[in-house]
Amino acid sequence: DWFRRHAAKGRGYQTEINRALRDHV
């Protein structure tokens, strides 16, 4: 829900999740 709410127009939230995971790695 957090990623969906913070994505532009609800789009790209999966890409943002991937980016967050990549940053962590």
PDBML (XML) file of the C-alpha atoms, coordinates in Angstrom:
<?xml version="1.0" encoding="UTF-8" ?>
<PDBx:datablock datablockName="MODEL"
   xmlns:PDBx="http://pdbml.pdb.org/schema/pdbx-v50.xsd"
   xmlns:xsi="http://www.w3.org/2001/XMLSchema-instance"
   xsi:schemaLocation="http://pdbml.pdb.org/schema/pdbx-v50.xsd pdbx-v50.xsd">
   <PDBx:atom_siteCategory>
      <PDBx:atom_site id="1">
         <PDBx:B_iso_or_equiv>0.00</PDBx:B_iso_or_equiv>
         <PDBx:Cartn_x>0.000</PDBx:Cartn_x>
         <PDBx:Cartn_y>0.000</PDBx:Cartn_y>
         <PDBx:Cartn_z>0.000</PDBx:Cartn_z>
         <PDBx:auth_asym_id>A</PDBx:auth_asym_id>
         <PDBx:auth_atom_id>CA</PDBx:auth_atom_id>
         <PDBx:auth_comp_id>ASP</PDBx:auth_comp_id>
         <PDBx:auth_seq_id>1</PDBx:auth_seq_id>
         <PDBx:group_PDB>ATOM</PDBx:group_PDB>
         <PDBx:label_alt_id xsi:nil="true" />
         <PDBx:label_asym_id>A</PDBx:label_asym_id>
         <PDBx:label_atom_id>CA</PDBx:label_atom_id>
         <PDBx:label_comp_id>ASP</PDBx:label_comp_id>
         <PDBx:label_entity_id>1</PDBx:label_entity_id>
         <PDBx:label_seq_id>1</PDBx:label_seq_id>
         <PDBx:occupancy>1.00</PDBx:occupancy>
         <PDBx:pdbx_PDB_model_num>1</PDBx:pdbx_PDB_model_num>
         <PDBx:type_symbol>C</PDBx:type_symbol>
      </PDBx:atom_site>
      <PDBx:atom_site id="2">
         <PDBx:B_iso_or_equiv>0.00</PDBx:B_iso_or_equiv>
         <PDBx:Cartn_x>2.805</PDBx:Cartn_x>
         <PDBx:Cartn_y>2.430</PDBx:Cartn_y>
         <PDBx:Cartn_z>0.858</PDBx:Cartn_z>
         <PDBx:auth_asym_id>A</PDBx:auth_asym_id>
         <PDBx:auth_atom_id>CA</PDBx:auth_atom_id>
         <PDBx:auth_comp_id>TRP</PDBx:auth_comp_id>
         <PDBx:auth_seq_id>2</PDBx:auth_seq_id>
         <PDBx:group_PDB>ATOM</PDBx:group_PDB>
         <PDBx:label_alt_id xsi:nil="true" />
         <PDBx:label_asym_id>A</PDBx:label_asym_id>
         <PDBx:label_atom_id>CA</PDBx:label_atom_id>
         <PDBx:label_comp_id>TRP</PDBx:label_comp_id>
         <PDBx:label_entity_id>1</PDBx:label_entity_id>
         <PDBx:label_seq_id>2</PDBx:label_seq_id>
         <PDBx:occupancy>1.00</PDBx:occupancy>
         <PDBx:pdbx_PDB_model_num>1</PDBx:pdbx_PDB_model_num>
         <PDBx:type_symbol>C</PDBx:type_symbol>
      </PDBx:atom_site>
      <PDBx:atom_site id="3">
         <PDBx:B_iso_or_equiv>0.00</PDBx:B_iso_or_equiv>
         <PDBx:Cartn_x>4.583</PDBx:Cartn_x>
         <PDBx:Cartn_y>1.851</PDBx:Cartn_y>
         <PDBx:Cartn_z>-2.462</PDBx:Cartn_z>
         <PDBx:auth_asym_id>A</PDBx:auth_asym_id>
         <PDBx:auth_atom_id>CA</PDBx:auth_atom_id>
         <PDBx:auth_comp_id>PHE</PDBx:auth_comp_id>
         <PDBx:auth_seq_id>3</PDBx:auth_seq_id>
         <PDBx:group_PDB>ATOM</PDBx:group_PDB>
         <PDBx:label_alt_id xsi:nil="true" />
         <PDBx:label_asym_id>A</PDBx:label_asym_id>
         <PDBx:label_atom_id>CA</PDBx:label_atom_id>
         <PDBx:label_comp_id>PHE</PDBx:label_comp_id>
         <PDBx:label_entity_id>1</PDBx:label_entity_id>
         <PDBx:label_seq_id>3</PDBx:label_seq_id>
         <PDBx:occupancy>1.00</PDBx:occupancy>
         <PDBx:pdbx_PDB_model_num>1</PDBx:pdbx_PDB_model_num>
         <PDBx:type_symbol>C</PDBx:type_symbol>
      </PDBx:atom_site>
      <PDBx:atom_site id="4">
         <PDBx:B_iso_or_equiv>0.00</PDBx:B_iso_or_equiv>
         <PDBx:Cartn_x>1.308</PDBx:Cartn_x>
         <PDBx:Cartn_y>2.181</PDBx:Cartn_y>
         <PDBx:Cartn_z>-4.407</PDBx:Cartn_z>
         <PDBx:auth_asym_id>A</PDBx:auth_asym_id>
         <PDBx:auth_atom_id>CA</PDBx:auth_atom_id>
         <PDBx:auth_comp_id>ARG</PDBx:auth_comp_id>
         <PDBx:auth_seq_id>4</PDBx:auth_seq_id>
         <PDBx:group_PDB>ATOM</PDBx:group_PDB>
         <PDBx:label_alt_id xsi:nil="true" />
         <PDBx:label_asym_id>A</PDBx:label_asym_id>
         <PDBx:label_atom_id>CA</PDBx:label_atom_id>
         <PDBx:label_comp_id>ARG</PDBx:label_comp_id>
         <PDBx:label_entity_id>1</PDBx:label_entity_id>
         <PDBx:label_seq_id>4</PDBx:label_seq_id>
         <PDBx:occupancy>1.00</PDBx:occupancy>
         <PDBx:pdbx_PDB_model_num>1</PDBx:pdbx_PDB_model_num>
         <PDBx:type_symbol>C</PDBx:type_symbol>
      </PDBx:atom_site>
      <PDBx:atom_site id="5">
         <PDBx:B_iso_or_equiv>0.00</PDBx:B_iso_or_equiv>
         <PDBx:Cartn_x>0.416</PDBx:Cartn_x>
         <PDBx:Cartn_y>5.450</PDBx:Cartn_y>
         <PDBx:Cartn_z>-2.650</PDBx:Cartn_z>
         <PDBx:auth_asym_id>A</PDBx:auth_asym_id>
         <PDBx:auth_atom_id>CA</PDBx:auth_atom_id>
         <PDBx:auth_comp_id>ARG</PDBx:auth_comp_id>
         <PDBx:auth_seq_id>5</PDBx:auth_seq_id>
         <PDBx:group_PDB>ATOM</PDBx:group_PDB>
         <PDBx:label_alt_id xsi:nil="true" />
         <PDBx:label_asym_id>A</PDBx:label_asym_id>
         <PDBx:label_atom_id>CA</PDBx:label_atom_id>
         <PDBx:label_comp_id>ARG</PDBx:label_comp_id>
         <PDBx:label_entity_id>1</PDBx:label_entity_id>
         <PDBx:label_seq_id>5</PDBx:label_seq_id>
         <PDBx:occupancy>1.00</PDBx:occupancy>
         <PDBx:pdbx_PDB_model_num>1</PDBx:pdbx_PDB_model_num>
         <PDBx:type_symbol>C</PDBx:type_symbol>
      </PDBx:atom_site>
      <PDBx:atom_site id="6">
         <PDBx:B_iso_or_equiv>0.00</PDBx:B_iso_or_equiv>
         <PDBx:Cartn_x>3.857</PDBx:Cartn_x>
         <PDBx:Cartn_y>6.913</PDBx:Cartn_y>
         <PDBx:Cartn_z>-3.305</PDBx:Cartn_z>
         <PDBx:auth_asym_id>A</PDBx:auth_asym_id>
         <PDBx:auth_atom_id>CA</PDBx:auth_atom_id>
         <PDBx:auth_comp_id>HIS</PDBx:auth_comp_id>
         <PDBx:auth_seq_id>6</PDBx:auth_seq_id>
         <PDBx:group_PDB>ATOM</PDBx:group_PDB>
         <PDBx:label_alt_id xsi:nil="true" />
         <PDBx:label_asym_id>A</PDBx:label_asym_id>
         <PDBx:label_atom_id>CA</PDBx:label_atom_id>
         <PDBx:label_comp_id>HIS</PDBx:label_comp_id>
         <PDBx:label_entity_id>1</PDBx:label_entity_id>
         <PDBx:label_seq_id>6</PDBx:label_seq_id>
         <PDBx:occupancy>1.00</PDBx:occupancy>
         <PDBx:pdbx_PDB_model_num>1</PDBx:pdbx_PDB_model_num>
         <PDBx:type_symbol>C</PDBx:type_symbol>
      </PDBx:atom_site>
      <PDBx:atom_site id="7">
         <PDBx:B_iso_or_equiv>0.00</PDBx:B_iso_or_equiv>
         <PDBx:Cartn_x>4.045</PDBx:Cartn_x>
         <PDBx:Cartn_y>5.863</PDBx:Cartn_y>
         <PDBx:Cartn_z>-6.967</PDBx:Cartn_z>
         <PDBx:auth_asym_id>A</PDBx:auth_asym_id>
         <PDBx:auth_atom_id>CA</PDBx:auth_atom_id>
         <PDBx:auth_comp_id>ALA</PDBx:auth_comp_id>
         <PDBx:auth_seq_id>7</PDBx:auth_seq_id>
         <PDBx:group_PDB>ATOM</PDBx:group_PDB>
         <PDBx:label_alt_id xsi:nil="true" />
         <PDBx:label_asym_id>A</PDBx:label_asym_id>
         <PDBx:label_atom_id>CA</PDBx:label_atom_id>
         <PDBx:label_comp_id>ALA</PDBx:label_comp_id>
         <PDBx:label_entity_id>1</PDBx:label_entity_id>
         <PDBx:label_seq_id>7</PDBx:label_seq_id>
         <PDBx:occupancy>1.00</PDBx:occupancy>
         <PDBx:pdbx_PDB_model_num>1</PDBx:pdbx_PDB_model_num>
         <PDBx:type_symbol>C</PDBx:type_symbol>
      </PDBx:atom_site>
      <PDBx:atom_site id="8">
         <PDBx:B_iso_or_equiv>0.00</PDBx:B_iso_or_equiv>
         <PDBx:Cartn_x>3.136</PDBx:Cartn_x>
         <PDBx:Cartn_y>8.415</PDBx:Cartn_y>
         <PDBx:Cartn_z>-9.625</PDBx:Cartn_z>
         <PDBx:auth_asym_id>A</PDBx:auth_asym_id>
         <PDBx:auth_atom_id>CA</PDBx:auth_atom_id>
         <PDBx:auth_comp_id>ALA</PDBx:auth_comp_id>
         <PDBx:auth_seq_id>8</PDBx:auth_seq_id>
         <PDBx:group_PDB>ATOM</PDBx:group_PDB>
         <PDBx:label_alt_id xsi:nil="true" />
         <PDBx:label_asym_id>A</PDBx:label_asym_id>
         <PDBx:label_atom_id>CA</PDBx:label_atom_id>
         <PDBx:label_comp_id>ALA</PDBx:label_comp_id>
         <PDBx:label_entity_id>1</PDBx:label_entity_id>
         <PDBx:label_seq_id>8</PDBx:label_seq_id>
         <PDBx:occupancy>1.00</PDBx:occupancy>
         <PDBx:pdbx_PDB_model_num>1</PDBx:pdbx_PDB_model_num>
         <PDBx:type_symbol>C</PDBx:type_symbol>
      </PDBx:atom_site>
      <PDBx:atom_site id="9">
         <PDBx:B_iso_or_equiv>0.00</PDBx:B_iso_or_equiv>
         <PDBx:Cartn_x>-0.575</PDBx:Cartn_x>
         <PDBx:Cartn_y>7.852</PDBx:Cartn_y>
         <PDBx:Cartn_z>-10.380</PDBx:Cartn_z>
         <PDBx:auth_asym_id>A</PDBx:auth_asym_id>
         <PDBx:auth_atom_id>CA</PDBx:auth_atom_id>
         <PDBx:auth_comp_id>LYS</PDBx:auth_comp_id>
         <PDBx:auth_seq_id>9</PDBx:auth_seq_id>
         <PDBx:group_PDB>ATOM</PDBx:group_PDB>
         <PDBx:label_alt_id xsi:nil="true" />
         <PDBx:label_asym_id>A</PDBx:label_asym_id>
         <PDBx:label_atom_id>CA</PDBx:label_atom_id>
         <PDBx:label_comp_id>LYS</PDBx:label_comp_id>
         <PDBx:label_entity_id>1</PDBx:label_entity_id>
         <PDBx:label_seq_id>9</PDBx:label_seq_id>
         <PDBx:occupancy>1.00</PDBx:occupancy>
         <PDBx:pdbx_PDB_model_num>1</PDBx:pdbx_PDB_model_num>
         <PDBx:type_symbol>C</PDBx:type_symbol>
      </PDBx:atom_site>
      <PDBx:atom_site id="10">
         <PDBx:B_iso_or_equiv>0.00</PDBx:B_iso_or_equiv>
         <PDBx:Cartn_x>-0.282</PDBx:Cartn_x>
         <PDBx:Cartn_y>4.407</PDBx:Cartn_y>
         <PDBx:Cartn_z>-8.784</PDBx:Cartn_z>
         <PDBx:auth_asym_id>A</PDBx:auth_asym_id>
         <PDBx:auth_atom_id>CA</PDBx:auth_atom_id>
         <PDBx:auth_comp_id>GLY</PDBx:auth_comp_id>
         <PDBx:auth_seq_id>10</PDBx:auth_seq_id>
         <PDBx:group_PDB>ATOM</PDBx:group_PDB>
         <PDBx:label_alt_id xsi:nil="true" />
         <PDBx:label_asym_id>A</PDBx:label_asym_id>
         <PDBx:label_atom_id>CA</PDBx:label_atom_id>
         <PDBx:label_comp_id>GLY</PDBx:label_comp_id>
         <PDBx:label_entity_id>1</PDBx:label_entity_id>
         <PDBx:label_seq_id>10</PDBx:label_seq_id>
         <PDBx:occupancy>1.00</PDBx:occupancy>
         <PDBx:pdbx_PDB_model_num>1</PDBx:pdbx_PDB_model_num>
         <PDBx:type_symbol>C</PDBx:type_symbol>
      </PDBx:atom_site>
      <PDBx:atom_site id="11">
         <PDBx:B_iso_or_equiv>0.00</PDBx:B_iso_or_equiv>
         <PDBx:Cartn_x>1.991</PDBx:Cartn_x>
         <PDBx:Cartn_y>3.224</PDBx:Cartn_y>
         <PDBx:Cartn_z>-11.571</PDBx:Cartn_z>
         <PDBx:auth_asym_id>A</PDBx:auth_asym_id>
         <PDBx:auth_atom_id>CA</PDBx:auth_atom_id>
         <PDBx:auth_comp_id>ARG</PDBx:auth_comp_id>
         <PDBx:auth_seq_id>11</PDBx:auth_seq_id>
         <PDBx:group_PDB>ATOM</PDBx:group_PDB>
         <PDBx:label_alt_id xsi:nil="true" />
         <PDBx:label_asym_id>A</PDBx:label_asym_id>
         <PDBx:label_atom_id>CA</PDBx:label_atom_id>
         <PDBx:label_comp_id>ARG</PDBx:label_comp_id>
         <PDBx:label_entity_id>1</PDBx:label_entity_id>
         <PDBx:label_seq_id>11</PDBx:label_seq_id>
         <PDBx:occupancy>1.00</PDBx:occupancy>
         <PDBx:pdbx_PDB_model_num>1</PDBx:pdbx_PDB_model_num>
         <PDBx:type_symbol>C</PDBx:type_symbol>
      </PDBx:atom_site>
      <PDBx:atom_site id="12">
         <PDBx:B_iso_or_equiv>0.00</PDBx:B_iso_or_equiv>
         <PDBx:Cartn_x>5.519</PDBx:Cartn_x>
         <PDBx:Cartn_y>1.904</PDBx:Cartn_y>
         <PDBx:Cartn_z>-11.258</PDBx:Cartn_z>
         <PDBx:auth_asym_id>A</PDBx:auth_asym_id>
         <PDBx:auth_atom_id>CA</PDBx:auth_atom_id>
         <PDBx:auth_comp_id>GLY</PDBx:auth_comp_id>
         <PDBx:auth_seq_id>12</PDBx:auth_seq_id>
         <PDBx:group_PDB>ATOM</PDBx:group_PDB>
         <PDBx:label_alt_id xsi:nil="true" />
         <PDBx:label_asym_id>A</PDBx:label_asym_id>
         <PDBx:label_atom_id>CA</PDBx:label_atom_id>
         <PDBx:label_comp_id>GLY</PDBx:label_comp_id>
         <PDBx:label_entity_id>1</PDBx:label_entity_id>
         <PDBx:label_seq_id>12</PDBx:label_seq_id>
         <PDBx:occupancy>1.00</PDBx:occupancy>
         <PDBx:pdbx_PDB_model_num>1</PDBx:pdbx_PDB_model_num>
         <PDBx:type_symbol>C</PDBx:type_symbol>
      </PDBx:atom_site>
      <PDBx:atom_site id="13">
         <PDBx:B_iso_or_equiv>0.00</PDBx:B_iso_or_equiv>
         <PDBx:Cartn_x>5.212</PDBx:Cartn_x>
         <PDBx:Cartn_y>0.740</PDBx:Cartn_y>
         <PDBx:Cartn_z>-7.674</PDBx:Cartn_z>
         <PDBx:auth_asym_id>A</PDBx:auth_asym_id>
         <PDBx:auth_atom_id>CA</PDBx:auth_atom_id>
         <PDBx:auth_comp_id>TYR</PDBx:auth_comp_id>
         <PDBx:auth_seq_id>13</PDBx:auth_seq_id>
         <PDBx:group_PDB>ATOM</PDBx:group_PDB>
         <PDBx:label_alt_id xsi:nil="true" />
         <PDBx:label_asym_id>A</PDBx:label_asym_id>
         <PDBx:label_atom_id>CA</PDBx:label_atom_id>
         <PDBx:label_comp_id>TYR</PDBx:label_comp_id>
         <PDBx:label_entity_id>1</PDBx:label_entity_id>
         <PDBx:label_seq_id>13</PDBx:label_seq_id>
         <PDBx:occupancy>1.00</PDBx:occupancy>
         <PDBx:pdbx_PDB_model_num>1</PDBx:pdbx_PDB_model_num>
         <PDBx:type_symbol>C</PDBx:type_symbol>
      </PDBx:atom_site>
      <PDBx:atom_site id="14">
         <PDBx:B_iso_or_equiv>0.00</PDBx:B_iso_or_equiv>
         <PDBx:Cartn_x>6.771</PDBx:Cartn_x>
         <PDBx:Cartn_y>-2.636</PDBx:Cartn_y>
         <PDBx:Cartn_z>-8.512</PDBx:Cartn_z>
         <PDBx:auth_asym_id>A</PDBx:auth_asym_id>
         <PDBx:auth_atom_id>CA</PDBx:auth_atom_id>
         <PDBx:auth_comp_id>GLN</PDBx:auth_comp_id>
         <PDBx:auth_seq_id>14</PDBx:auth_seq_id>
         <PDBx:group_PDB>ATOM</PDBx:group_PDB>
         <PDBx:label_alt_id xsi:nil="true" />
         <PDBx:label_asym_id>A</PDBx:label_asym_id>
         <PDBx:label_atom_id>CA</PDBx:label_atom_id>
         <PDBx:label_comp_id>GLN</PDBx:label_comp_id>
         <PDBx:label_entity_id>1</PDBx:label_entity_id>
         <PDBx:label_seq_id>14</PDBx:label_seq_id>
         <PDBx:occupancy>1.00</PDBx:occupancy>
         <PDBx:pdbx_PDB_model_num>1</PDBx:pdbx_PDB_model_num>
         <PDBx:type_symbol>C</PDBx:type_symbol>
      </PDBx:atom_site>
      <PDBx:atom_site id="15">
         <PDBx:B_iso_or_equiv>0.00</PDBx:B_iso_or_equiv>
         <PDBx:Cartn_x>9.748</PDBx:Cartn_x>
         <PDBx:Cartn_y>-0.860</PDBx:Cartn_y>
         <PDBx:Cartn_z>-10.068</PDBx:Cartn_z>
         <PDBx:auth_asym_id>A</PDBx:auth_asym_id>
         <PDBx:auth_atom_id>CA</PDBx:auth_atom_id>
         <PDBx:auth_comp_id>THR</PDBx:auth_comp_id>
         <PDBx:auth_seq_id>15</PDBx:auth_seq_id>
         <PDBx:group_PDB>ATOM</PDBx:group_PDB>
         <PDBx:label_alt_id xsi:nil="true" />
         <PDBx:label_asym_id>A</PDBx:label_asym_id>
         <PDBx:label_atom_id>CA</PDBx:label_atom_id>
         <PDBx:label_comp_id>THR</PDBx:label_comp_id>
         <PDBx:label_entity_id>1</PDBx:label_entity_id>
         <PDBx:label_seq_id>15</PDBx:label_seq_id>
         <PDBx:occupancy>1.00</PDBx:occupancy>
         <PDBx:pdbx_PDB_model_num>1</PDBx:pdbx_PDB_model_num>
         <PDBx:type_symbol>C</PDBx:type_symbol>
      </PDBx:atom_site>
      <PDBx:atom_site id="16">
         <PDBx:B_iso_or_equiv>0.00</PDBx:B_iso_or_equiv>
         <PDBx:Cartn_x>10.110</PDBx:Cartn_x>
         <PDBx:Cartn_y>1.166</PDBx:Cartn_y>
         <PDBx:Cartn_z>-6.874</PDBx:Cartn_z>
         <PDBx:auth_asym_id>A</PDBx:auth_asym_id>
         <PDBx:auth_atom_id>CA</PDBx:auth_atom_id>
         <PDBx:auth_comp_id>GLU</PDBx:auth_comp_id>
         <PDBx:auth_seq_id>16</PDBx:auth_seq_id>
         <PDBx:group_PDB>ATOM</PDBx:group_PDB>
         <PDBx:label_alt_id xsi:nil="true" />
         <PDBx:label_asym_id>A</PDBx:label_asym_id>
         <PDBx:label_atom_id>CA</PDBx:label_atom_id>
         <PDBx:label_comp_id>GLU</PDBx:label_comp_id>
         <PDBx:label_entity_id>1</PDBx:label_entity_id>
         <PDBx:label_seq_id>16</PDBx:label_seq_id>
         <PDBx:occupancy>1.00</PDBx:occupancy>
         <PDBx:pdbx_PDB_model_num>1</PDBx:pdbx_PDB_model_num>
         <PDBx:type_symbol>C</PDBx:type_symbol>
      </PDBx:atom_site>
      <PDBx:atom_site id="17">
         <PDBx:B_iso_or_equiv>0.00</PDBx:B_iso_or_equiv>
         <PDBx:Cartn_x>9.983</PDBx:Cartn_x>
         <PDBx:Cartn_y>-2.002</PDBx:Cartn_y>
         <PDBx:Cartn_z>-4.771</PDBx:Cartn_z>
         <PDBx:auth_asym_id>A</PDBx:auth_asym_id>
         <PDBx:auth_atom_id>CA</PDBx:auth_atom_id>
         <PDBx:auth_comp_id>ILE</PDBx:auth_comp_id>
         <PDBx:auth_seq_id>17</PDBx:auth_seq_id>
         <PDBx:group_PDB>ATOM</PDBx:group_PDB>
         <PDBx:label_alt_id xsi:nil="true" />
         <PDBx:label_asym_id>A</PDBx:label_asym_id>
         <PDBx:label_atom_id>CA</PDBx:label_atom_id>
         <PDBx:label_comp_id>ILE</PDBx:label_comp_id>
         <PDBx:label_entity_id>1</PDBx:label_entity_id>
         <PDBx:label_seq_id>17</PDBx:label_seq_id>
         <PDBx:occupancy>1.00</PDBx:occupancy>
         <PDBx:pdbx_PDB_model_num>1</PDBx:pdbx_PDB_model_num>
         <PDBx:type_symbol>C</PDBx:type_symbol>
      </PDBx:atom_site>
      <PDBx:atom_site id="18">
         <PDBx:B_iso_or_equiv>0.00</PDBx:B_iso_or_equiv>
         <PDBx:Cartn_x>12.701</PDBx:Cartn_x>
         <PDBx:Cartn_y>-3.481</PDBx:Cartn_y>
         <PDBx:Cartn_z>-6.999</PDBx:Cartn_z>
         <PDBx:auth_asym_id>A</PDBx:auth_asym_id>
         <PDBx:auth_atom_id>CA</PDBx:auth_atom_id>
         <PDBx:auth_comp_id>ASN</PDBx:auth_comp_id>
         <PDBx:auth_seq_id>18</PDBx:auth_seq_id>
         <PDBx:group_PDB>ATOM</PDBx:group_PDB>
         <PDBx:label_alt_id xsi:nil="true" />
         <PDBx:label_asym_id>A</PDBx:label_asym_id>
         <PDBx:label_atom_id>CA</PDBx:label_atom_id>
         <PDBx:label_comp_id>ASN</PDBx:label_comp_id>
         <PDBx:label_entity_id>1</PDBx:label_entity_id>
         <PDBx:label_seq_id>18</PDBx:label_seq_id>
         <PDBx:occupancy>1.00</PDBx:occupancy>
         <PDBx:pdbx_PDB_model_num>1</PDBx:pdbx_PDB_model_num>
         <PDBx:type_symbol>C</PDBx:type_symbol>
      </PDBx:atom_site>
      <PDBx:atom_site id="19">
         <PDBx:B_iso_or_equiv>0.00</PDBx:B_iso_or_equiv>
         <PDBx:Cartn_x>14.771</PDBx:Cartn_x>
         <PDBx:Cartn_y>-0.296</PDBx:Cartn_y>
         <PDBx:Cartn_z>-6.617</PDBx:Cartn_z>
         <PDBx:auth_asym_id>A</PDBx:auth_asym_id>
         <PDBx:auth_atom_id>CA</PDBx:auth_atom_id>
         <PDBx:auth_comp_id>ARG</PDBx:auth_comp_id>
         <PDBx:auth_seq_id>19</PDBx:auth_seq_id>
         <PDBx:group_PDB>ATOM</PDBx:group_PDB>
         <PDBx:label_alt_id xsi:nil="true" />
         <PDBx:label_asym_id>A</PDBx:label_asym_id>
         <PDBx:label_atom_id>CA</PDBx:label_atom_id>
         <PDBx:label_comp_id>ARG</PDBx:label_comp_id>
         <PDBx:label_entity_id>1</PDBx:label_entity_id>
         <PDBx:label_seq_id>19</PDBx:label_seq_id>
         <PDBx:occupancy>1.00</PDBx:occupancy>
         <PDBx:pdbx_PDB_model_num>1</PDBx:pdbx_PDB_model_num>
         <PDBx:type_symbol>C</PDBx:type_symbol>
      </PDBx:atom_site>
      <PDBx:atom_site id="20">
         <PDBx:B_iso_or_equiv>0.00</PDBx:B_iso_or_equiv>
         <PDBx:Cartn_x>14.430</PDBx:Cartn_x>
         <PDBx:Cartn_y>-0.401</PDBx:Cartn_y>
         <PDBx:Cartn_z>-2.821</PDBx:Cartn_z>
         <PDBx:auth_asym_id>A</PDBx:auth_asym_id>
         <PDBx:auth_atom_id>CA</PDBx:auth_atom_id>
         <PDBx:auth_comp_id>ALA</PDBx:auth_comp_id>
         <PDBx:auth_seq_id>20</PDBx:auth_seq_id>
         <PDBx:group_PDB>ATOM</PDBx:group_PDB>
         <PDBx:label_alt_id xsi:nil="true" />
         <PDBx:label_asym_id>A</PDBx:label_asym_id>
         <PDBx:label_atom_id>CA</PDBx:label_atom_id>
         <PDBx:label_comp_id>ALA</PDBx:label_comp_id>
         <PDBx:label_entity_id>1</PDBx:label_entity_id>
         <PDBx:label_seq_id>20</PDBx:label_seq_id>
         <PDBx:occupancy>1.00</PDBx:occupancy>
         <PDBx:pdbx_PDB_model_num>1</PDBx:pdbx_PDB_model_num>
         <PDBx:type_symbol>C</PDBx:type_symbol>
      </PDBx:atom_site>
      <PDBx:atom_site id="21">
         <PDBx:B_iso_or_equiv>0.00</PDBx:B_iso_or_equiv>
         <PDBx:Cartn_x>15.522</PDBx:Cartn_x>
         <PDBx:Cartn_y>-4.043</PDBx:Cartn_y>
         <PDBx:Cartn_z>-2.774</PDBx:Cartn_z>
         <PDBx:auth_asym_id>A</PDBx:auth_asym_id>
         <PDBx:auth_atom_id>CA</PDBx:auth_atom_id>
         <PDBx:auth_comp_id>LEU</PDBx:auth_comp_id>
         <PDBx:auth_seq_id>21</PDBx:auth_seq_id>
         <PDBx:group_PDB>ATOM</PDBx:group_PDB>
         <PDBx:label_alt_id xsi:nil="true" />
         <PDBx:label_asym_id>A</PDBx:label_asym_id>
         <PDBx:label_atom_id>CA</PDBx:label_atom_id>
         <PDBx:label_comp_id>LEU</PDBx:label_comp_id>
         <PDBx:label_entity_id>1</PDBx:label_entity_id>
         <PDBx:label_seq_id>21</PDBx:label_seq_id>
         <PDBx:occupancy>1.00</PDBx:occupancy>
         <PDBx:pdbx_PDB_model_num>1</PDBx:pdbx_PDB_model_num>
         <PDBx:type_symbol>C</PDBx:type_symbol>
      </PDBx:atom_site>
      <PDBx:atom_site id="22">
         <PDBx:B_iso_or_equiv>0.00</PDBx:B_iso_or_equiv>
         <PDBx:Cartn_x>18.465</PDBx:Cartn_x>
         <PDBx:Cartn_y>-3.291</PDBx:Cartn_y>
         <PDBx:Cartn_z>-5.070</PDBx:Cartn_z>
         <PDBx:auth_asym_id>A</PDBx:auth_asym_id>
         <PDBx:auth_atom_id>CA</PDBx:auth_atom_id>
         <PDBx:auth_comp_id>ARG</PDBx:auth_comp_id>
         <PDBx:auth_seq_id>22</PDBx:auth_seq_id>
         <PDBx:group_PDB>ATOM</PDBx:group_PDB>
         <PDBx:label_alt_id xsi:nil="true" />
         <PDBx:label_asym_id>A</PDBx:label_asym_id>
         <PDBx:label_atom_id>CA</PDBx:label_atom_id>
         <PDBx:label_comp_id>ARG</PDBx:label_comp_id>
         <PDBx:label_entity_id>1</PDBx:label_entity_id>
         <PDBx:label_seq_id>22</PDBx:label_seq_id>
         <PDBx:occupancy>1.00</PDBx:occupancy>
         <PDBx:pdbx_PDB_model_num>1</PDBx:pdbx_PDB_model_num>
         <PDBx:type_symbol>C</PDBx:type_symbol>
      </PDBx:atom_site>
      <PDBx:atom_site id="23">
         <PDBx:B_iso_or_equiv>0.00</PDBx:B_iso_or_equiv>
         <PDBx:Cartn_x>19.581</PDBx:Cartn_x>
         <PDBx:Cartn_y>-0.406</PDBx:Cartn_y>
         <PDBx:Cartn_z>-2.806</PDBx:Cartn_z>
         <PDBx:auth_asym_id>A</PDBx:auth_asym_id>
         <PDBx:auth_atom_id>CA</PDBx:auth_atom_id>
         <PDBx:auth_comp_id>ASP</PDBx:auth_comp_id>
         <PDBx:auth_seq_id>23</PDBx:auth_seq_id>
         <PDBx:group_PDB>ATOM</PDBx:group_PDB>
         <PDBx:label_alt_id xsi:nil="true" />
         <PDBx:label_asym_id>A</PDBx:label_asym_id>
         <PDBx:label_atom_id>CA</PDBx:label_atom_id>
         <PDBx:label_comp_id>ASP</PDBx:label_comp_id>
         <PDBx:label_entity_id>1</PDBx:label_entity_id>
         <PDBx:label_seq_id>23</PDBx:label_seq_id>
         <PDBx:occupancy>1.00</PDBx:occupancy>
         <PDBx:pdbx_PDB_model_num>1</PDBx:pdbx_PDB_model_num>
         <PDBx:type_symbol>C</PDBx:type_symbol>
      </PDBx:atom_site>
      <PDBx:atom_site id="24">
         <PDBx:B_iso_or_equiv>0.00</PDBx:B_iso_or_equiv>
         <PDBx:Cartn_x>19.440</PDBx:Cartn_x>
         <PDBx:Cartn_y>-2.752</PDBx:Cartn_y>
         <PDBx:Cartn_z>0.181</PDBx:Cartn_z>
         <PDBx:auth_asym_id>A</PDBx:auth_asym_id>
         <PDBx:auth_atom_id>CA</PDBx:auth_atom_id>
         <PDBx:auth_comp_id>HIS</PDBx:auth_comp_id>
         <PDBx:auth_seq_id>24</PDBx:auth_seq_id>
         <PDBx:group_PDB>ATOM</PDBx:group_PDB>
         <PDBx:label_alt_id xsi:nil="true" />
         <PDBx:label_asym_id>A</PDBx:label_asym_id>
         <PDBx:label_atom_id>CA</PDBx:label_atom_id>
         <PDBx:label_comp_id>HIS</PDBx:label_comp_id>
         <PDBx:label_entity_id>1</PDBx:label_entity_id>
         <PDBx:label_seq_id>24</PDBx:label_seq_id>
         <PDBx:occupancy>1.00</PDBx:occupancy>
         <PDBx:pdbx_PDB_model_num>1</PDBx:pdbx_PDB_model_num>
         <PDBx:type_symbol>C</PDBx:type_symbol>
      </PDBx:atom_site>
      <PDBx:atom_site id="25">
         <PDBx:B_iso_or_equiv>0.00</PDBx:B_iso_or_equiv>
         <PDBx:Cartn_x>21.500</PDBx:Cartn_x>
         <PDBx:Cartn_y>-5.400</PDBx:Cartn_y>
         <PDBx:Cartn_z>-1.635</PDBx:Cartn_z>
         <PDBx:auth_asym_id>A</PDBx:auth_asym_id>
         <PDBx:auth_atom_id>CA</PDBx:auth_atom_id>
         <PDBx:auth_comp_id>VAL</PDBx:auth_comp_id>
         <PDBx:auth_seq_id>25</PDBx:auth_seq_id>
         <PDBx:group_PDB>ATOM</PDBx:group_PDB>
         <PDBx:label_alt_id xsi:nil="true" />
         <PDBx:label_asym_id>A</PDBx:label_asym_id>
         <PDBx:label_atom_id>CA</PDBx:label_atom_id>
         <PDBx:label_comp_id>VAL</PDBx:label_comp_id>
         <PDBx:label_entity_id>1</PDBx:label_entity_id>
         <PDBx:label_seq_id>25</PDBx:label_seq_id>
         <PDBx:occupancy>1.00</PDBx:occupancy>
         <PDBx:pdbx_PDB_model_num>1</PDBx:pdbx_PDB_model_num>
         <PDBx:type_symbol>C</PDBx:type_symbol>
      </PDBx:atom_site>
   </PDBx:atom_siteCategory>
</PDBx:datablock>
